[in-house]
């Protein structure tokens, strides 16, 4: 009876390398599916924020549309209409609708 149980029992223990390889494969999948795309997205966002200039038409993360009047390292002042100026943190800019040079060319 003992011989039958021993023959049916799976081999205990395995190579530690199999476990290391499976964890390495999982890390690679997470890196290429989650981490790397987020890094690319952050890089393009930082490039967009760095390219902001006076006259650009932008949208804030709250959905407010306006034109940039003043810009510093951390602060952006936008004009919403003829009399309203609003101050925002530079990171509150969601995206650029059009650049100042495009609008100047359209007006000319």
Protein backbone atom coordinates (compact mmCIF):
# COMPACT_ATOMS: atom_id res chain seq x y z
CA UNK A 1 0.00 0.00 0.00
CA UNK A 2 2.84 2.38 0.82
CA UNK A 3 4.43 1.71 -2.53
CA UNK A 4 1.24 2.77 -4.28
CA UNK A 5 1.05 6.05 -2.32
CA UNK A 6 4.71 6.82 -2.97
CA UNK A 7 4.29 6.20 -6.69
CA UNK A 8 1.24 8.50 -6.90
CA UNK A 9 2.74 11.34 -4.83
CA UNK A 10 4.10 14.26 -6.85
CA UNK A 11 7.76 15.11 -6.56
CA UNK A 12 8.19 17.56 -3.70
CA UNK A 13 10.27 20.66 -4.13
CA UNK A 14 11.24 22.09 -7.40
CA UNK A 15 13.91 24.23 -8.78
CA UNK A 16 14.06 27.73 -7.33
CA UNK A 17 14.94 28.91 -10.82
CA UNK A 18 11.47 28.07 -12.06
CA UNK A 19 9.97 30.38 -9.47
CA UNK A 20 12.49 33.14 -10.19
CA UNK A 21 11.82 32.83 -13.91
CA UNK A 22 8.05 33.05 -13.42
CA UNK A 23 8.40 36.15 -11.21
CA UNK A 24 10.73 37.69 -13.78
CA UNK A 25 8.22 37.01 -16.54
CA UNK A 26 5.41 38.58 -14.48
CA UNK A 27 7.54 41.66 -13.80
CA UNK A 28 8.33 41.98 -17.52
CA UNK A 29 4.62 41.79 -18.39
CA UNK A 30 3.74 44.41 -15.77
CA UNK A 31 6.57 46.65 -16.96
CA UNK A 32 5.60 46.58 -20.63
CA UNK A 33 1.83 46.71 -20.08
CA UNK A 34 1.56 49.14 -17.15
CA UNK A 35 4.73 50.99 -16.21
CA UNK A 36 6.23 51.80 -19.62
CA UNK A 37 3.05 53.28 -21.17
CA UNK A 38 2.56 55.46 -18.08
CA UNK A 39 6.15 56.73 -18.38
CA UNK A 40 5.57 57.60 -22.05
CA UNK A 41 2.34 59.41 -21.22
CA UNK A 42 4.07 61.40 -18.45
CA UNK A 43 6.94 62.29 -20.78
CA UNK A 44 4.59 63.66 -23.46
CA UNK A 45 2.62 65.59 -20.82
CA UNK A 46 5.80 67.17 -19.45
CA UNK A 47 6.82 68.11 -22.99
CA UNK A 48 3.40 69.69 -23.59
CA UNK A 49 3.59 71.67 -20.34
CA UNK A 50 7.12 72.78 -21.21
CA UNK A 51 5.99 74.01 -24.64
CA UNK A 52 3.25 76.29 -23.29
CA UNK A 53 3.65 79.90 -24.34
CA UNK A 54 1.78 83.16 -24.27
CA UNK A 55 -1.19 83.20 -26.65
CA UNK A 56 -1.89 79.45 -26.63
CA UNK A 57 -5.52 78.43 -26.35
CA UNK A 58 -5.77 75.80 -23.61
CA UNK A 59 -8.23 73.72 -21.62
CA UNK A 60 -7.80 73.22 -17.88
CA UNK A 61 -8.47 69.95 -16.06
CA UNK A 62 -11.74 71.51 -14.91
CA UNK A 63 -12.84 72.09 -18.52
CA UNK A 64 -12.27 75.86 -18.58
CA UNK A 65 -11.18 77.23 -21.98
CA UNK A 66 -8.96 80.29 -22.28
CA UNK A 67 -5.89 81.99 -23.75
CA UNK A 68 -2.60 82.22 -21.87
CA UNK A 69 -1.76 85.81 -20.90
CA UNK A 70 1.20 85.21 -18.59
CA UNK A 71 3.24 82.14 -17.80
CA UNK A 72 5.95 81.42 -15.21
CA UNK A 73 7.55 78.21 -14.01
CA UNK A 74 4.59 77.26 -11.81
CA UNK A 75 1.76 79.71 -12.56
CA UNK A 76 -0.35 80.34 -15.67
CA UNK A 77 -2.70 83.32 -16.02
CA UNK A 78 -5.41 82.75 -18.61
CA UNK A 79 -8.01 85.06 -20.13
CA UNK A 80 -11.44 83.46 -20.21
CA UNK A 81 -13.28 86.41 -21.79
CA UNK A 82 -12.54 90.11 -22.33
CA UNK A 83 -12.54 91.02 -18.63
CA UNK A 84 -11.90 87.78 -16.73
CA UNK A 85 -8.36 86.68 -15.89
CA UNK A 86 -7.79 83.53 -13.86
CA UNK A 87 -4.63 82.18 -12.26
CA UNK A 88 -3.91 78.46 -12.33
CA UNK A 89 -1.12 76.11 -11.42
CA UNK A 90 0.76 75.00 -14.53
CA UNK A 91 -0.17 71.37 -13.81
CA UNK A 92 -3.87 72.29 -14.09
CA UNK A 93 -3.54 72.55 -17.88
CA UNK A 94 -5.14 69.53 -19.54
CA UNK A 95 -4.24 70.14 -23.18
CA UNK A 96 -3.52 72.75 -25.84
CA UNK A 97 -6.26 73.46 -28.37
CA UNK A 98 -4.19 75.74 -30.61
CA UNK A 99 -0.89 77.55 -30.38
CA UNK A 100 -0.49 81.32 -30.42
CA UNK A 101 1.37 81.29 -33.75
CA UNK A 102 -1.49 79.41 -35.45
CA UNK A 103 -4.03 81.99 -34.31
CA UNK A 104 -1.80 84.89 -35.37
CA UNK A 105 -1.46 83.35 -38.83
CA UNK A 106 -5.24 82.86 -39.05
CA UNK A 107 -5.89 86.52 -38.13
CA UNK A 108 -3.44 87.82 -40.74
